[in-house]
C-alpha atoms as a PDB file:
ATOM      1  CA  UNK A   1       0.000   0.000   0.000  1.00  0.00           C
ATOM      2  CA  UNK A   2       1.424   3.382  -0.984  1.00  0.00           C
ATOM      3  CA  UNK A   3       2.199   5.906   1.712  1.00  0.00           C
ATOM      4  CA  UNK A   4      -0.525   8.415   0.750  1.00  0.00           C
ATOM      5  CA  UNK A   5      -3.163   5.662   0.547  1.00  0.00           C
ATOM      6  CA  UNK A   6      -2.021   4.331   3.918  1.00  0.00           C
ATOM      7  CA  UNK A   7      -2.250   7.814   5.443  1.00  0.00           C
ATOM      8  CA  UNK A   8      -5.782   8.306   4.125  1.00  0.00           C
ATOM      9  CA  UNK A   9      -6.830   4.911   5.438  1.00  0.00           C
ATOM     10  CA  UNK A  10      -5.293   5.636   8.856  1.00  0.00           C
ATOM     11  CA  UNK A  11      -7.193   8.941   8.965  1.00  0.00           C
ATOM     12  CA  UNK A  12     -10.431   7.180   8.012  1.00  0.00           C
ATOM     13  CA  UNK A  13      -9.924   4.520  10.686  1.00  0.00           C
ATOM     14  CA  UNK A  14      -9.070   7.197  13.264  1.00  0.00           C
ATOM     15  CA  UNK A  15     -12.306   9.046  12.454  1.00  0.00           C
ATOM     16  CA  UNK A  16     -14.335   5.828  12.780  1.00  0.00           C
ATOM     17  CA  UNK A  17     -12.734   5.070  16.137  1.00  0.00           C
ATOM     18  CA  UNK A  18     -13.297   8.608  17.442  1.00  0.00           C
ATOM     19  CA  UNK A  19     -17.037   8.262  16.752  1.00  0.00           C
ATOM     20  CA  UNK A  20     -17.446   5.132  18.864  1.00  0.00           C
ATOM     21  CA  UNK A  21     -19.168   5.864  22.194  1.00  0.00           C
ATOM     22  CA  UNK A  22     -16.762   5.264  25.041  1.00  0.00           C
ATOM     23  CA  UNK A  23     -13.540   5.909  23.144  1.00  0.00           C
ATOM     24  CA  UNK A  24     -11.596   8.661  24.891  1.00  0.00           C
ATOM     25  CA  UNK A  25      -8.706   8.786  22.403  1.00  0.00           C
ATOM     26  CA  UNK A  26      -6.342   6.745  20.292  1.00  0.00           C
ATOM     27  CA  UNK A  27      -3.521   5.700  22.546  1.00  0.00           C
ATOM     28  CA  UNK A  28      -0.093   5.750  20.928  1.00  0.00           C
ATOM     29  CA  UNK A  29       2.205   2.907  21.805  1.00  0.00           C
ATOM     30  CA  UNK A  30       5.402   3.678  23.685  1.00  0.00           C
ATOM     31  CA  UNK A  31       7.545   2.936  20.624  1.00  0.00           C
ATOM     32  CA  UNK A  32       5.571   5.477  18.567  1.00  0.00           C
ATOM     33  CA  UNK A  33       5.915   8.069  21.325  1.00  0.00           C
ATOM     34  CA  UNK A  34       9.679   7.606  21.377  1.00  0.00           C
ATOM     35  CA  UNK A  35      10.116   7.705  17.595  1.00  0.00           C
ATOM     36  CA  UNK A  36       7.731  10.658  17.224  1.00  0.00           C
ATOM     37  CA  UNK A  37       9.857  12.774  19.539  1.00  0.00           C
ATOM     38  CA  UNK A  38       7.089  13.139  22.104  1.00  0.00           C
ATOM     39  CA  UNK A  39       4.442  14.318  19.616  1.00  0.00           C
ATOM     40  CA  UNK A  40       0.979  12.918  20.127  1.00  0.00           C
ATOM     41  CA  UNK A  41      -0.398  10.601  17.503  1.00  0.00           C
ATOM     42  CA  UNK A  42      -0.343   6.982  16.536  1.00  0.00           C
ATOM     43  CA  UNK A  43      -2.605   4.381  17.971  1.00  0.00           C
ATOM     44  CA  UNK A  44      -3.140   2.686  14.588  1.00  0.00           C
ATOM     45  CA  UNK A  45      -0.950   0.260  12.678  1.00  0.00           C
ATOM     46  CA  UNK A  46      -1.928  -1.088   9.270  1.00  0.00           C
ATOM     47  CA  UNK A  47      -0.397  -4.028   7.488  1.00  0.00           C
ATOM     48  CA  UNK A  48      -1.683  -4.650   3.980  1.00  0.00           C
ATOM     49  CA  UNK A  49       0.371  -7.801   3.460  1.00  0.00           C
ATOM     50  CA  UNK A  50      -1.797 -10.891   3.349  1.00  0.00           C
ATOM     51  CA  UNK A  51      -3.599 -11.330   5.567  1.00  0.00           C
ATOM     52  CA  UNK A  52      -4.267  -7.635   6.074  1.00  0.00           C
ATOM     53  CA  UNK A  53      -4.188  -6.524   9.700  1.00  0.00           C
ATOM     54  CA  UNK A  54      -5.397  -3.395  11.476  1.00  0.00           C
ATOM     55  CA  UNK A  55      -4.231  -2.843  15.043  1.00  0.00           C
ATOM     56  CA  UNK A  56      -5.761  -0.091  17.143  1.00  0.00           C
ATOM     57  CA  UNK A  57      -4.862   1.067  20.658  1.00  0.00           C
ATOM     58  CA  UNK A  58      -7.537   3.018  22.532  1.00  0.00           C
ATOM     59  CA  UNK A  59      -8.319   4.549  25.887  1.00  0.00           C
ATOM     60  CA  UNK A  60     -11.866   3.967  27.149  1.00  0.00           C
ATOM     61  CA  UNK A  61     -13.914   6.552  29.008  1.00  0.00           C
ATOM     62  CA  UNK A  62     -15.062   5.951  32.560  1.00  0.00           C
ATOM     63  CA  UNK A  63     -18.548   4.497  32.709  1.00  0.00           C
ATOM     64  CA  UNK A  64     -18.126   2.448  29.520  1.00  0.00           C
ATOM     65  CA  UNK A  65     -17.329  -1.241  29.342  1.00  0.00           C
ATOM     66  CA  UNK A  66     -13.921  -1.797  27.775  1.00  0.00           C
ATOM     67  CA  UNK A  67     -14.925  -5.079  26.118  1.00  0.00           C
ATOM     68  CA  UNK A  68     -18.072  -3.589  24.576  1.00  0.00           C
ATOM     69  CA  UNK A  69     -16.218  -0.511  23.343  1.00  0.00           C
ATOM     70  CA  UNK A  70     -13.419  -2.602  21.825  1.00  0.00           C
ATOM     71  CA  UNK A  71     -15.933  -4.897  20.111  1.00  0.00           C
ATOM     72  CA  UNK A  72     -17.783  -1.919  18.623  1.00  0.00           C
ATOM     73  CA  UNK A  73     -14.505  -0.433  17.327  1.00  0.00           C
ATOM     74  CA  UNK A  74     -13.568  -3.793  15.772  1.00  0.00           C
ATOM     75  CA  UNK A  75     -16.980  -4.209  14.120  1.00  0.00           C
ATOM     76  CA  UNK A  76     -17.024  -0.678  12.664  1.00  0.00           C
ATOM     77  CA  UNK A  77     -13.542  -1.014  11.204  1.00  0.00           C
ATOM     78  CA  UNK A  78     -14.331  -4.432   9.717  1.00  0.00           C
ATOM     79  CA  UNK A  79     -17.533  -3.068   8.154  1.00  0.00           C
ATOM     80  CA  UNK A  80     -15.690  -0.073   6.682  1.00  0.00           C
ATOM     81  CA  UNK A  81     -13.058  -2.333   5.102  1.00  0.00           C
ATOM     82  CA  UNK A  82     -15.545  -4.873   3.734  1.00  0.00           C
ATOM     83  CA  UNK A  83     -15.404  -5.103  -0.032  1.00  0.00           C
ATOM     84  CA  UNK A  84     -12.124  -3.208  -0.386  1.00  0.00           C
ATOM     85  CA  UNK A  85      -9.521  -5.060  -2.423  1.00  0.00           C
ATOM     86  CA  UNK A  86      -6.786  -6.433  -0.195  1.00  0.00           C
ATOM     87  CA  UNK A  87      -8.570  -5.282   2.969  1.00  0.00           C
ATOM     88  CA  UNK A  88     -11.823  -7.243   2.889  1.00  0.00           C
ATOM     89  CA  UNK A  89     -11.720  -9.698   5.767  1.00  0.00           C
ATOM     90  CA  UNK A  90      -8.789  -7.943   7.408  1.00  0.00           C
ATOM     91  CA  UNK A  91      -7.942  -9.052  10.915  1.00  0.00           C
ATOM     92  CA  UNK A  92      -8.806  -6.208  13.300  1.00  0.00           C
ATOM     93  CA  UNK A  93      -7.235  -6.135  16.747  1.00  0.00           C
ATOM     94  CA  UNK A  94      -8.235  -3.591  19.377  1.00  0.00           C
ATOM     95  CA  UNK A  95      -6.171  -3.121  22.518  1.00  0.00           C
ATOM     96  CA  UNK A  96      -7.473  -1.107  25.454  1.00  0.00           C
ATOM     97  CA  UNK A  97      -4.465   0.622  26.975  1.00  0.00           C
ATOM     98  CA  UNK A  98      -6.148   2.892  29.493  1.00  0.00           C
ATOM     99  CA  UNK A  99      -9.385   3.640  31.305  1.00  0.00           C
ATOM    100  CA  UNK A 100      -9.988   7.370  31.791  1.00  0.00           C
END
């Protein structure tokens, strides 16, 4: 997947995740924080090599069930990728890194 297409897809996934009730924010992994020089961002990793994989790290708001929120994020991403060449049936992993 080309860099600009990957960036657009990451932005689309980030927007989908932000709209899920209970998601406080995308939670960048420590490695991303270190390589980004302390800038905020990250929380999504895409791999278009077969089988395609989408990994998302989120923080869940207080009062929301982490498992339910993660399942909703996973379902919305899978639905958005359905029918896209190379991404249909992608494995979607959601990791809850914090409860806020």
